[in-house]
Amino acid sequence: MPLGWDWRVSAAVIAGFPAREVIVAVLGTIYAVGDDADEQSLGERLTSATWPDGRPVFTLPMVLGLLLFYAWCLQCASTLAVIQRETNSWRWPVFAWSYMTVLGYSGALLIYQLGSALG
């Protein structure tokens, strides 16, 4: 948990690699599972999400890190396809996806670790 993400957030991020906007739908699906699916809004469910030891999942450092990850990470399959089409090579899309994913992960890691240590 170096980024502070639980399995639900990690699954939503992985599902969002083809198109980043699906993270909200995936989180909605994951958190709506159960008998009381209509009793709480997604926002209330995210706010009340906790680790097994009772700590909240969505802390300020985790959320800021997740936002930075999404700002810096290249998560758009259509953008990669356009880069491939324009350059006539898979070298540039693979390079762009790789370095931007590492950049996003590193930034999210730094924010979460510093924020958790200071807070």
PDB file of N, CA and C in Angstrom:
ATOM      1  N   MET A   1       0.809  -1.187   0.000  1.00  0.00           N
ATOM      2  CA  MET A   1       0.000   0.000   0.000  1.00  0.00           C
ATOM      3  C   MET A   1       0.858   1.259   0.000  1.00  0.00           C
ATOM      4  N   PRO A   2       1.860   1.325  -0.830  1.00  0.00           N
ATOM      5  CA  PRO A   2       2.728   2.502  -0.850  1.00  0.00           C
ATOM      6  C   PRO A   2       2.007   3.774  -1.279  1.00  0.00           C
ATOM      7  N   LEU A   3       0.906   3.642  -2.018  1.00  0.00           N
ATOM      8  CA  LEU A   3       0.154   4.816  -2.445  1.00  0.00           C
ATOM      9  C   LEU A   3      -1.081   5.058  -1.587  1.00  0.00           C
ATOM     10  N   GLY A   4      -1.355   4.156  -0.660  1.00  0.00           N
ATOM     11  CA  GLY A   4      -2.535   4.285   0.185  1.00  0.00           C
ATOM     12  C   GLY A   4      -3.797   3.765  -0.457  1.00  0.00           C
ATOM     13  N   TRP A   5      -3.684   3.079  -1.583  1.00  0.00           N
ATOM     14  CA  TRP A   5      -4.860   2.569  -2.283  1.00  0.00           C
ATOM     15  C   TRP A   5      -5.213   1.198  -1.737  1.00  0.00           C
ATOM     16  N   ASP A   6      -6.492   0.952  -1.498  1.00  0.00           N
ATOM     17  CA  ASP A   6      -6.925  -0.393  -1.145  1.00  0.00           C
ATOM     18  C   ASP A   6      -7.241  -1.149  -2.435  1.00  0.00           C
ATOM     19  N   TRP A   7      -7.721  -2.372  -2.316  1.00  0.00           N
ATOM     20  CA  TRP A   7      -7.961  -3.186  -3.510  1.00  0.00           C
ATOM     21  C   TRP A   7      -9.036  -2.566  -4.398  1.00  0.00           C
ATOM     22  N   ARG A   8      -9.986  -1.857  -3.810  1.00  0.00           N
ATOM     23  CA  ARG A   8     -11.063  -1.265  -4.609  1.00  0.00           C
ATOM     24  C   ARG A   8     -10.535  -0.132  -5.480  1.00  0.00           C
ATOM     25  N   VAL A   9      -9.727   0.724  -4.910  1.00  0.00           N
ATOM     26  CA  VAL A   9      -9.154   1.835  -5.675  1.00  0.00           C
ATOM     27  C   VAL A   9      -8.187   1.292  -6.729  1.00  0.00           C
ATOM     28  N   SER A  10      -7.372   0.312  -6.339  1.00  0.00           N
ATOM     29  CA  SER A  10      -6.436  -0.295  -7.304  1.00  0.00           C
ATOM     30  C   SER A  10      -7.171  -0.923  -8.478  1.00  0.00           C
ATOM     31  N   ALA A  11      -8.266  -1.626  -8.204  1.00  0.00           N
ATOM     32  CA  ALA A  11      -9.055  -2.237  -9.280  1.00  0.00           C
ATOM     33  C   ALA A  11      -9.653  -1.170 -10.189  1.00  0.00           C
ATOM     34  N   ALA A  12     -10.119  -0.078  -9.609  1.00  0.00           N
ATOM     35  CA  ALA A  12     -10.695   1.001 -10.410  1.00  0.00           C
ATOM     36  C   ALA A  12      -9.631   1.673 -11.273  1.00  0.00           C
ATOM     37  N   VAL A  13      -8.432   1.862 -10.731  1.00  0.00           N
ATOM     38  CA  VAL A  13      -7.345   2.471 -11.507  1.00  0.00           C
ATOM     39  C   VAL A  13      -6.957   1.554 -12.664  1.00  0.00           C
ATOM     40  N   ILE A  14      -6.830   0.266 -12.402  1.00  0.00           N
ATOM     41  CA  ILE A  14      -6.474  -0.682 -13.470  1.00  0.00           C
ATOM     42  C   ILE A  14      -7.555  -0.710 -14.541  1.00  0.00           C
ATOM     43  N   ALA A  15      -8.812  -0.719 -14.122  1.00  0.00           N
ATOM     44  CA  ALA A  15      -9.910  -0.709 -15.096  1.00  0.00           C
ATOM     45  C   ALA A  15      -9.955   0.599 -15.871  1.00  0.00           C
ATOM     46  N   GLY A  16      -9.390   1.657 -15.286  1.00  0.00           N
ATOM     47  CA  GLY A  16      -9.400   2.955 -15.941  1.00  0.00           C
ATOM     48  C   GLY A  16      -8.282   3.198 -16.920  1.00  0.00           C
ATOM     49  N   PHE A  17      -7.378   2.246 -17.108  1.00  0.00           N
ATOM     50  CA  PHE A  17      -6.285   2.472 -18.050  1.00  0.00           C
ATOM     51  C   PHE A  17      -6.759   2.678 -19.492  1.00  0.00           C
ATOM     52  N   PRO A  18      -7.764   1.984 -19.983  1.00  0.00           N
ATOM     53  CA  PRO A  18      -8.218   2.300 -21.344  1.00  0.00           C
ATOM     54  C   PRO A  18      -8.826   3.694 -21.465  1.00  0.00           C
ATOM     55  N   ALA A  19      -9.521   4.141 -20.435  1.00  0.00           N
ATOM     56  CA  ALA A  19     -10.132   5.472 -20.421  1.00  0.00           C
ATOM     57  C   ALA A  19     -10.318   5.895 -18.969  1.00  0.00           C
ATOM     58  N   ARG A  20      -9.655   6.950 -18.582  1.00  0.00           N
ATOM     59  CA  ARG A  20      -9.610   7.328 -17.167  1.00  0.00           C
ATOM     60  C   ARG A  20     -10.955   7.665 -16.555  1.00  0.00           C
ATOM     61  N   GLU A  21     -11.914   8.079 -17.347  1.00  0.00           N
ATOM     62  CA  GLU A  21     -13.197   8.486 -16.781  1.00  0.00           C
ATOM     63  C   GLU A  21     -14.007   7.330 -16.205  1.00  0.00           C
ATOM     64  N   VAL A  22     -13.642   6.103 -16.498  1.00  0.00           N
ATOM     65  CA  VAL A  22     -14.414   4.971 -15.982  1.00  0.00           C
ATOM     66  C   VAL A  22     -14.121   4.672 -14.512  1.00  0.00           C
ATOM     67  N   ILE A  23     -13.150   5.348 -13.911  1.00  0.00           N
ATOM     68  CA  ILE A  23     -12.858   5.078 -12.498  1.00  0.00           C
ATOM     69  C   ILE A  23     -14.084   5.348 -11.628  1.00  0.00           C
ATOM     70  N   VAL A  24     -14.848   6.380 -11.942  1.00  0.00           N
ATOM     71  CA  VAL A  24     -16.031   6.702 -11.148  1.00  0.00           C
ATOM     72  C   VAL A  24     -17.071   5.594 -11.287  1.00  0.00           C
ATOM     73  N   ALA A  25     -17.279   5.105 -12.491  1.00  0.00           N
ATOM     74  CA  ALA A  25     -18.249   4.025 -12.700  1.00  0.00           C
ATOM     75  C   ALA A  25     -17.791   2.742 -12.011  1.00  0.00           C
ATOM     76  N   VAL A  26     -16.497   2.445 -12.077  1.00  0.00           N
ATOM     77  CA  VAL A  26     -15.986   1.231 -11.437  1.00  0.00           C
ATOM     78  C   VAL A  26     -16.112   1.342  -9.921  1.00  0.00           C
ATOM     79  N   LEU A  27     -15.734   2.485  -9.353  1.00  0.00           N
ATOM     80  CA  LEU A  27     -15.897   2.672  -7.917  1.00  0.00           C
ATOM     81  C   LEU A  27     -17.361   2.578  -7.520  1.00  0.00           C
ATOM     82  N   GLY A  28     -18.242   3.138  -8.342  1.00  0.00           N
ATOM     83  CA  GLY A  28     -19.675   3.039  -8.074  1.00  0.00           C
ATOM     84  C   GLY A  28     -20.148   1.603  -8.083  1.00  0.00           C
ATOM     85  N   THR A  29     -19.654   0.818  -9.008  1.00  0.00           N
ATOM     86  CA  THR A  29     -20.025  -0.597  -9.073  1.00  0.00           C
ATOM     87  C   THR A  29     -19.478  -1.361  -7.882  1.00  0.00           C
ATOM     88  N   ILE A  30     -18.221  -1.130  -7.550  1.00  0.00           N
ATOM     89  CA  ILE A  30     -17.605  -1.846  -6.433  1.00  0.00           C
ATOM     90  C   ILE A  30     -18.282  -1.504  -5.115  1.00  0.00           C
ATOM     91  N   TYR A  31     -18.563  -0.243  -4.890  1.00  0.00           N
ATOM     92  CA  TYR A  31     -19.152   0.164  -3.618  1.00  0.00           C
ATOM     93  C   TYR A  31     -20.662  -0.051  -3.547  1.00  0.00           C
ATOM     94  N   ALA A  32     -21.315  -0.332  -4.654  1.00  0.00           N
ATOM     95  CA  ALA A  32     -22.759  -0.552  -4.647  1.00  0.00           C
ATOM     96  C   ALA A  32     -23.112  -2.015  -4.440  1.00  0.00           C
ATOM     97  N   VAL A  33     -22.132  -2.893  -4.292  1.00  0.00           N
ATOM     98  CA  VAL A  33     -22.387  -4.309  -4.099  1.00  0.00           C
ATOM     99  C   VAL A  33     -22.921  -4.525  -2.693  1.00  0.00           C
ATOM    100  N   GLY A  34     -23.993  -5.292  -2.585  1.00  0.00           N
ATOM    101  CA  GLY A  34     -24.553  -5.599  -1.266  1.00  0.00           C
ATOM    102  C   GLY A  34     -26.037  -5.299  -1.213  1.00  0.00           C
ATOM    103  N   ASP A  35     -26.634  -5.612  -0.077  1.00  0.00           N
ATOM    104  CA  ASP A  35     -28.075  -5.444   0.081  1.00  0.00           C
ATOM    105  C   ASP A  35     -28.494  -3.988   0.189  1.00  0.00           C
ATOM    106  N   ASP A  36     -27.646  -3.151   0.768  1.00  0.00           N
ATOM    107  CA  ASP A  36     -28.019  -1.756   0.991  1.00  0.00           C
ATOM    108  C   ASP A  36     -27.444  -0.829  -0.086  1.00  0.00           C
ATOM    109  N   ALA A  37     -27.446  -1.278  -1.331  1.00  0.00           N
ATOM    110  CA  ALA A  37     -26.813  -0.539  -2.421  1.00  0.00           C
ATOM    111  C   ALA A  37     -27.441   0.834  -2.636  1.00  0.00           C
ATOM    112  N   ASP A  38     -28.729   0.995  -2.398  1.00  0.00           N
ATOM    113  CA  ASP A  38     -29.381   2.270  -2.645  1.00  0.00           C
ATOM    114  C   ASP A  38     -29.454   3.155  -1.411  1.00  0.00           C
ATOM    115  N   GLU A  39     -28.965   2.703  -0.284  1.00  0.00           N
ATOM    116  CA  GLU A  39     -29.124   3.438   0.967  1.00  0.00           C
ATOM    117  C   GLU A  39     -28.154   4.604   1.097  1.00  0.00           C
ATOM    118  N   GLN A  40     -27.005   4.537   0.487  1.00  0.00           N
ATOM    119  CA  GLN A  40     -25.998   5.595   0.597  1.00  0.00           C
ATOM    120  C   GLN A  40     -25.545   6.030  -0.787  1.00  0.00           C
ATOM    121  N   SER A  41     -25.171   7.290  -0.895  1.00  0.00           N
ATOM    122  CA  SER A  41     -24.595   7.750  -2.155  1.00  0.00           C
ATOM    123  C   SER A  41     -23.143   7.270  -2.245  1.00  0.00           C
ATOM    124  N   LEU A  42     -22.585   7.350  -3.435  1.00  0.00           N
ATOM    125  CA  LEU A  42     -21.190   6.927  -3.609  1.00  0.00           C
ATOM    126  C   LEU A  42     -20.264   7.773  -2.746  1.00  0.00           C
ATOM    127  N   GLY A  43     -20.518   9.053  -2.669  1.00  0.00           N
ATOM    128  CA  GLY A  43     -19.679   9.926  -1.846  1.00  0.00           C
ATOM    129  C   GLY A  43     -19.671   9.518  -0.390  1.00  0.00           C
ATOM    130  N   GLU A  44     -20.838   9.160   0.127  1.00  0.00           N
ATOM    131  CA  GLU A  44     -20.913   8.716   1.517  1.00  0.00           C
ATOM    132  C   GLU A  44     -20.178   7.392   1.705  1.00  0.00           C
ATOM    133  N   ARG A  45     -20.284   6.520   0.738  1.00  0.00           N
ATOM    134  CA  ARG A  45     -19.591   5.228   0.830  1.00  0.00           C
ATOM    135  C   ARG A  45     -18.076   5.412   0.780  1.00  0.00           C
ATOM    136  N   LEU A  46     -17.614   6.306  -0.081  1.00  0.00           N
ATOM    137  CA  LEU A  46     -16.170   6.555  -0.155  1.00  0.00           C
ATOM    138  C   LEU A  46     -15.671   7.191   1.138  1.00  0.00           C
ATOM    139  N   THR A  47     -16.432   8.108   1.673  1.00  0.00           N
ATOM    140  CA  THR A  47     -16.046   8.763   2.922  1.00  0.00           C
ATOM    141  C   THR A  47     -15.979   7.783   4.079  1.00  0.00           C
ATOM    142  N   SER A  48     -16.869   6.800   4.064  1.00  0.00           N
ATOM    143  CA  SER A  48     -16.913   5.853   5.180  1.00  0.00           C
ATOM    144  C   SER A  48     -16.050   4.602   4.949  1.00  0.00           C
ATOM    145  N   ALA A  49     -15.366   4.513   3.812  1.00  0.00           N
ATOM    146  CA  ALA A  49     -14.516   3.344   3.530  1.00  0.00           C
ATOM    147  C   ALA A  49     -13.333   3.316   4.489  1.00  0.00           C
ATOM    148  N   THR A  50     -13.084   2.137   5.064  1.00  0.00           N
ATOM    149  CA  THR A  50     -11.995   2.011   6.028  1.00  0.00           C
ATOM    150  C   THR A  50     -11.150   0.771   5.730  1.00  0.00           C
ATOM    151  N   TRP A  51      -9.930   0.801   6.252  1.00  0.00           N
ATOM    152  CA  TRP A  51      -9.064  -0.364   6.243  1.00  0.00           C
ATOM    153  C   TRP A  51      -9.558  -1.320   7.326  1.00  0.00           C
ATOM    154  N   PRO A  52      -9.119  -2.570   7.332  1.00  0.00           N
ATOM    155  CA  PRO A  52      -9.559  -3.508   8.376  1.00  0.00           C
ATOM    156  C   PRO A  52      -9.289  -3.019   9.804  1.00  0.00           C
ATOM    157  N   ASP A  53      -8.262  -2.185   9.974  1.00  0.00           N
ATOM    158  CA  ASP A  53      -7.964  -1.679  11.322  1.00  0.00           C
ATOM    159  C   ASP A  53      -8.767  -0.425  11.684  1.00  0.00           C
ATOM    160  N   GLY A  54      -9.649   0.014  10.785  1.00  0.00           N
ATOM    161  CA  GLY A  54     -10.526   1.144  11.076  1.00  0.00           C
ATOM    162  C   GLY A  54     -10.065   2.491  10.551  1.00  0.00           C
ATOM    163  N   ARG A  55      -8.851   2.577  10.015  1.00  0.00           N
ATOM    164  CA  ARG A  55      -8.360   3.840   9.442  1.00  0.00           C
ATOM    165  C   ARG A  55      -9.114   4.138   8.155  1.00  0.00           C
ATOM    166  N   PRO A  56      -9.395   5.405   7.868  1.00  0.00           N
ATOM    167  CA  PRO A  56     -10.071   5.727   6.609  1.00  0.00           C
ATOM    168  C   PRO A  56      -9.167   5.471   5.400  1.00  0.00           C
ATOM    169  N   VAL A  57      -9.759   5.003   4.325  1.00  0.00           N
ATOM    170  CA  VAL A  57      -9.003   4.764   3.085  1.00  0.00           C
ATOM    171  C   VAL A  57      -8.730   6.089   2.391  1.00  0.00           C
ATOM    172  N   PHE A  58      -9.746   6.923   2.290  1.00  0.00           N
ATOM    173  CA  PHE A  58      -9.644   8.172   1.541  1.00  0.00           C
ATOM    174  C   PHE A  58      -9.194   9.312   2.449  1.00  0.00           C
ATOM    175  N   THR A  59      -7.877   9.378   2.666  1.00  0.00           N
ATOM    176  CA  THR A  59      -7.277  10.462   3.436  1.00  0.00           C
ATOM    177  C   THR A  59      -6.841  11.556   2.462  1.00  0.00           C
ATOM    178  N   LEU A  60      -6.521  12.727   2.989  1.00  0.00           N
ATOM    179  CA  LEU A  60      -6.083  13.822   2.122  1.00  0.00           C
ATOM    180  C   LEU A  60      -4.834  13.461   1.316  1.00  0.00           C
ATOM    181  N   PRO A  61      -3.783  12.881   1.915  1.00  0.00           N
ATOM    182  CA  PRO A  61      -2.620  12.513   1.101  1.00  0.00           C
ATOM    183  C   PRO A  61      -2.943  11.472   0.026  1.00  0.00           C
ATOM    184  N   MET A  62      -3.812  10.520   0.345  1.00  0.00           N
ATOM    185  CA  MET A  62      -4.171   9.490  -0.647  1.00  0.00           C
ATOM    186  C   MET A  62      -4.933  10.104  -1.807  1.00  0.00           C
ATOM    187  N   VAL A  63      -5.896  10.959  -1.507  1.00  0.00           N
ATOM    188  CA  VAL A  63      -6.709  11.572  -2.556  1.00  0.00           C
ATOM    189  C   VAL A  63      -5.870  12.514  -3.412  1.00  0.00           C
ATOM    190  N   LEU A  64      -5.013  13.314  -2.792  1.00  0.00           N
ATOM    191  CA  LEU A  64      -4.138  14.195  -3.574  1.00  0.00           C
ATOM    192  C   LEU A  64      -3.189  13.393  -4.450  1.00  0.00           C
ATOM    193  N   GLY A  65      -2.662  12.299  -3.919  1.00  0.00           N
ATOM    194  CA  GLY A  65      -1.801  11.429  -4.719  1.00  0.00           C
ATOM    195  C   GLY A  65      -2.550  10.802  -5.883  1.00  0.00           C
ATOM    196  N   LEU A  66      -3.784  10.378  -5.638  1.00  0.00           N
ATOM    197  CA  LEU A  66      -4.600   9.793  -6.705  1.00  0.00           C
ATOM    198  C   LEU A  66      -4.898  10.832  -7.785  1.00  0.00           C
ATOM    199  N   LEU A  67      -5.212  12.052  -7.373  1.00  0.00           N
ATOM    200  CA  LEU A  67      -5.455  13.117  -8.345  1.00  0.00           C
ATOM    201  C   LEU A  67      -4.209  13.412  -9.173  1.00  0.00           C
ATOM    202  N   LEU A  68      -3.060  13.462  -8.515  1.00  0.00           N
ATOM    203  CA  LEU A  68      -1.818  13.703  -9.242  1.00  0.00           C
ATOM    204  C   LEU A  68      -1.517  12.555 -10.198  1.00  0.00           C
ATOM    205  N   PHE A  69      -1.752  11.329  -9.748  1.00  0.00           N
ATOM    206  CA  PHE A  69      -1.552  10.175 -10.624  1.00  0.00           C
ATOM    207  C   PHE A  69      -2.390  10.331 -11.892  1.00  0.00           C
ATOM    208  N   TYR A  70      -3.650  10.692 -11.724  1.00  0.00           N
ATOM    209  CA  TYR A  70      -4.512  10.856 -12.891  1.00  0.00           C
ATOM    210  C   TYR A  70      -4.137  12.053 -13.742  1.00  0.00           C
ATOM    211  N   ALA A  71      -3.572  13.082 -13.154  1.00  0.00           N
ATOM    212  CA  ALA A  71      -3.149  14.244 -13.933  1.00  0.00           C
ATOM    213  C   ALA A  71      -1.914  13.938 -14.776  1.00  0.00           C
ATOM    214  N   TRP A  72      -1.007  13.133 -14.240  1.00  0.00           N
ATOM    215  CA  TRP A  72       0.256  12.880 -14.926  1.00  0.00           C
ATOM    216  C   TRP A  72       0.300  11.577 -15.708  1.00  0.00           C
ATOM    217  N   CYS A  73      -0.525  10.625 -15.387  1.00  0.00           N
ATOM    218  CA  CYS A  73      -0.477   9.315 -16.034  1.00  0.00           C
ATOM    219  C   CYS A  73      -1.261   9.342 -17.347  1.00  0.00           C
ATOM    220  N   LEU A  74      -0.713   8.742 -18.380  1.00  0.00           N
ATOM    221  CA  LEU A  74      -1.379   8.668 -19.675  1.00  0.00           C
ATOM    222  C   LEU A  74      -2.299   7.457 -19.681  1.00  0.00           C
ATOM    223  N   GLN A  75      -3.581   7.700 -19.465  1.00  0.00           N
ATOM    224  CA  GLN A  75      -4.560   6.622 -19.410  1.00  0.00           C
ATOM    225  C   GLN A  75      -5.638   6.855 -20.447  1.00  0.00           C
ATOM    226  N   CYS A  76      -5.284   6.753 -21.674  1.00  0.00           N
ATOM    227  CA  CYS A  76      -6.264   6.946 -22.730  1.00  0.00           C
ATOM    228  C   CYS A  76      -5.829   6.138 -23.951  1.00  0.00           C
ATOM    229  N   ALA A  77      -6.536   5.067 -24.185  1.00  0.00           N
ATOM    230  CA  ALA A  77      -6.187   4.184 -25.296  1.00  0.00           C
ATOM    231  C   ALA A  77      -6.300   4.897 -26.638  1.00  0.00           C
ATOM    232  N   SER A  78      -7.279   5.787 -26.772  1.00  0.00           N
ATOM    233  CA  SER A  78      -7.423   6.481 -28.047  1.00  0.00           C
ATOM    234  C   SER A  78      -6.255   7.446 -28.289  1.00  0.00           C
ATOM    235  N   THR A  79      -5.731   8.061 -27.256  1.00  0.00           N
ATOM    236  CA  THR A  79      -4.556   8.920 -27.408  1.00  0.00           C
ATOM    237  C   THR A  79      -3.349   8.104 -27.854  1.00  0.00           C
ATOM    238  N   LEU A  80      -3.175   6.943 -27.246  1.00  0.00           N
ATOM    239  CA  LEU A  80      -2.073   6.066 -27.662  1.00  0.00           C
ATOM    240  C   LEU A  80      -2.232   5.630 -29.115  1.00  0.00           C
ATOM    241  N   ALA A  81      -3.469   5.348 -29.523  1.00  0.00           N
ATOM    242  CA  ALA A  81      -3.713   4.954 -30.913  1.00  0.00           C
ATOM    243  C   ALA A  81      -3.395   6.095 -31.875  1.00  0.00           C
ATOM    244  N   VAL A  82      -3.736   7.314 -31.495  1.00  0.00           N
ATOM    245  CA  VAL A  82      -3.431   8.469 -32.351  1.00  0.00           C
ATOM    246  C   VAL A  82      -1.915   8.688 -32.436  1.00  0.00           C
ATOM    247  N   ILE A  83      -1.221   8.560 -31.306  1.00  0.00           N
ATOM    248  CA  ILE A  83       0.242   8.692 -31.335  1.00  0.00           C
ATOM    249  C   ILE A  83       0.839   7.639 -32.262  1.00  0.00           C
ATOM    250  N   GLN A  84       0.335   6.412 -32.177  1.00  0.00           N
ATOM    251  CA  GLN A  84       0.837   5.340 -33.039  1.00  0.00           C
ATOM    252  C   GLN A  84       0.556   5.653 -34.503  1.00  0.00           C
ATOM    253  N   ARG A  85      -0.644   6.132 -34.783  1.00  0.00           N
ATOM    254  CA  ARG A  85      -1.008   6.432 -36.169  1.00  0.00           C
ATOM    255  C   ARG A  85      -0.171   7.579 -36.722  1.00  0.00           C
ATOM    256  N   GLU A  86       0.045   8.609 -35.907  1.00  0.00           N
ATOM    257  CA  GLU A  86       0.792   9.776 -36.370  1.00  0.00           C
ATOM    258  C   GLU A  86       2.286   9.500 -36.524  1.00  0.00           C
ATOM    259  N   THR A  87       2.843   8.642 -35.695  1.00  0.00           N
ATOM    260  CA  THR A  87       4.276   8.363 -35.768  1.00  0.00           C
ATOM    261  C   THR A  87       4.596   7.109 -36.577  1.00  0.00           C
ATOM    262  N   ASN A  88       3.565   6.336 -36.903  1.00  0.00           N
ATOM    263  CA  ASN A  88       3.743   5.081 -37.645  1.00  0.00           C
ATOM    264  C   ASN A  88       4.627   4.089 -36.906  1.00  0.00           C
ATOM    265  N   SER A  89       4.596   4.155 -35.593  1.00  0.00           N
ATOM    266  CA  SER A  89       5.423   3.275 -34.777  1.00  0.00           C
ATOM    267  C   SER A  89       4.775   3.106 -33.411  1.00  0.00           C
ATOM    268  N   TRP A  90       5.013   1.953 -32.796  1.00  0.00           N
ATOM    269  CA  TRP A  90       4.551   1.739 -31.424  1.00  0.00           C
ATOM    270  C   TRP A  90       5.580   2.207 -30.413  1.00  0.00           C
ATOM    271  N   ARG A  91       6.757   2.598 -30.884  1.00  0.00           N
ATOM    272  CA  ARG A  91       7.816   3.038 -29.975  1.00  0.00           C
ATOM    273  C   ARG A  91       7.377   4.250 -29.148  1.00  0.00           C
ATOM    274  N   TRP A  92       6.814   5.271 -29.799  1.00  0.00           N
ATOM    275  CA  TRP A  92       6.437   6.493 -29.089  1.00  0.00           C
ATOM    276  C   TRP A  92       5.253   6.292 -28.143  1.00  0.00           C
ATOM    277  N   PRO A  93       4.202   5.591 -28.534  1.00  0.00           N
ATOM    278  CA  PRO A  93       3.120   5.370 -27.561  1.00  0.00           C
ATOM    279  C   PRO A  93       3.581   4.563 -26.348  1.00  0.00           C
ATOM    280  N   VAL A  94       4.415   3.559 -26.566  1.00  0.00           N
ATOM    281  CA  VAL A  94       4.924   2.758 -25.443  1.00  0.00           C
ATOM    282  C   VAL A  94       5.811   3.622 -24.555  1.00  0.00           C
ATOM    283  N   PHE A  95       6.667   4.426 -25.170  1.00  0.00           N
ATOM    284  CA  PHE A  95       7.518   5.329 -24.405  1.00  0.00           C
ATOM    285  C   PHE A  95       6.684   6.323 -23.595  1.00  0.00           C
ATOM    286  N   ALA A  96       5.705   6.965 -24.252  1.00  0.00           N
ATOM    287  CA  ALA A  96       4.870   7.959 -23.570  1.00  0.00           C
ATOM    288  C   ALA A  96       4.085   7.322 -22.432  1.00  0.00           C
ATOM    289  N   TRP A  97       3.486   6.168 -22.684  1.00  0.00           N
ATOM    290  CA  TRP A  97       2.708   5.494 -21.635  1.00  0.00           C
ATOM    291  C   TRP A  97       3.617   5.103 -20.472  1.00  0.00           C
ATOM    292  N   SER A  98       4.797   4.589 -20.772  1.00  0.00           N
ATOM    293  CA  SER A  98       5.709   4.134 -19.721  1.00  0.00           C
ATOM    294  C   SER A  98       6.206   5.277 -18.856  1.00  0.00           C
ATOM    295  N   TYR A  99       6.742   6.313 -19.490  1.00  0.00           N
ATOM    296  CA  TYR A  99       7.321   7.382 -18.673  1.00  0.00           C
ATOM    297  C   TYR A  99       6.238   8.151 -17.928  1.00  0.00           C
ATOM    298  N   MET A 100       5.064   8.325 -18.521  1.00  0.00           N
ATOM    299  CA  MET A 100       4.006   9.061 -17.826  1.00  0.00           C
ATOM    300  C   MET A 100       3.400   8.239 -16.687  1.00  0.00           C
ATOM    301  N   THR A 101       3.359   6.912 -16.829  1.00  0.00           N
ATOM    302  CA  THR A 101       2.888   6.069 -15.735  1.00  0.00           C
ATOM    303  C   THR A 101       3.882   6.098 -14.581  1.00  0.00           C
ATOM    304  N   VAL A 102       5.166   6.009 -14.894  1.00  0.00           N
ATOM    305  CA  VAL A 102       6.194   6.099 -13.849  1.00  0.00           C
ATOM    306  C   VAL A 102       6.152   7.473 -13.186  1.00  0.00           C
ATOM    307  N   LEU A 103       5.993   8.517 -13.963  1.00  0.00           N
ATOM    308  CA  LEU A 103       5.907   9.868 -13.425  1.00  0.00           C
ATOM    309  C   LEU A 103       4.696  10.018 -12.495  1.00  0.00           C
ATOM    310  N   GLY A 104       3.531   9.526 -12.936  1.00  0.00           N
ATOM    311  CA  GLY A 104       2.329   9.598 -12.115  1.00  0.00           C
ATOM    312  C   GLY A 104       2.451   8.793 -10.836  1.00  0.00           C
ATOM    313  N   TYR A 105       2.986   7.590 -10.954  1.00  0.00           N
ATOM    314  CA  TYR A 105       3.171   6.737  -9.778  1.00  0.00           C
ATOM    315  C   TYR A 105       4.145   7.379  -8.793  1.00  0.00           C
ATOM    316  N   SER A 106       5.252   7.895  -9.309  1.00  0.00           N
ATOM    317  CA  SER A 106       6.264   8.515  -8.443  1.00  0.00           C
ATOM    318  C   SER A 106       5.710   9.742  -7.730  1.00  0.00           C
ATOM    319  N   GLY A 107       4.968  10.559  -8.451  1.00  0.00           N
ATOM    320  CA  GLY A 107       4.369  11.737  -7.833  1.00  0.00           C
ATOM    321  C   GLY A 107       3.345  11.368  -6.770  1.00  0.00           C
ATOM    322  N   ALA A 108       2.508  10.379  -7.059  1.00  0.00           N
ATOM    323  CA  ALA A 108       1.511   9.927  -6.088  1.00  0.00           C
ATOM    324  C   ALA A 108       2.193   9.322  -4.866  1.00  0.00           C
ATOM    325  N   LEU A 109       3.241   8.566  -5.090  1.00  0.00           N
ATOM    326  CA  LEU A 109       3.995   7.972  -3.990  1.00  0.00           C
ATOM    327  C   LEU A 109       4.599   9.053  -3.103  1.00  0.00           C
ATOM    328  N   LEU A 110       5.217  10.046  -3.710  1.00  0.00           N
ATOM    329  CA  LEU A 110       5.841  11.129  -2.955  1.00  0.00           C
ATOM    330  C   LEU A 110       4.804  11.893  -2.129  1.00  0.00           C
ATOM    331  N   ILE A 111       3.698  12.249  -2.750  1.00  0.00           N
ATOM    332  CA  ILE A 111       2.652  12.985  -2.023  1.00  0.00           C
ATOM    333  C   ILE A 111       2.093  12.156  -0.873  1.00  0.00           C
ATOM    334  N   TYR A 112       1.787  10.899  -1.134  1.00  0.00           N
ATOM    335  CA  TYR A 112       1.199  10.066  -0.078  1.00  0.00           C
ATOM    336  C   TYR A 112       2.177   9.840   1.070  1.00  0.00           C
ATOM    337  N   GLN A 113       3.405   9.500   0.736  1.00  0.00           N
ATOM    338  CA  GLN A 113       4.380   9.210   1.783  1.00  0.00           C
ATOM    339  C   GLN A 113       4.713  10.467   2.593  1.00  0.00           C
ATOM    340  N   LEU A 114       4.934  11.594   1.940  1.00  0.00           N
ATOM    341  CA  LEU A 114       5.212  12.823   2.677  1.00  0.00           C
ATOM    342  C   LEU A 114       4.004  13.286   3.476  1.00  0.00           C
ATOM    343  N   GLY A 115       2.830  13.228   2.860  1.00  0.00           N
ATOM    344  CA  GLY A 115       1.618  13.639   3.553  1.00  0.00           C
ATOM    345  C   GLY A 115       1.305  12.774   4.750  1.00  0.00           C
ATOM    346  N   SER A 116       1.544  11.488   4.626  1.00  0.00           N
ATOM    347  CA  SER A 116       1.294  10.571   5.745  1.00  0.00           C
ATOM    348  C   SER A 116       2.316  10.761   6.858  1.00  0.00           C
ATOM    349  N   ALA A 117       3.553  11.043   6.498  1.00  0.00           N
ATOM    350  CA  ALA A 117       4.585  11.237   7.505  1.00  0.00           C
ATOM    351  C   ALA A 117       4.394  12.555   8.262  1.00  0.00           C
ATOM    352  N   LEU A 118       3.930  13.584   7.552  1.00  0.00           N
ATOM    353  CA  LEU A 118       3.741  14.880   8.188  1.00  0.00           C
ATOM    354  C   LEU A 118       2.410  14.993   8.926  1.00  0.00           C
ATOM    355  N   GLY A 119       1.439  14.213   8.481  1.00  0.00           N
ATOM    356  CA  GLY A 119       0.092  14.340   9.056  1.00  0.00           C
ATOM    357  C   GLY A 119      -0.165  13.342  10.038  1.00  0.00           C
TER     358      GLY A 119
END
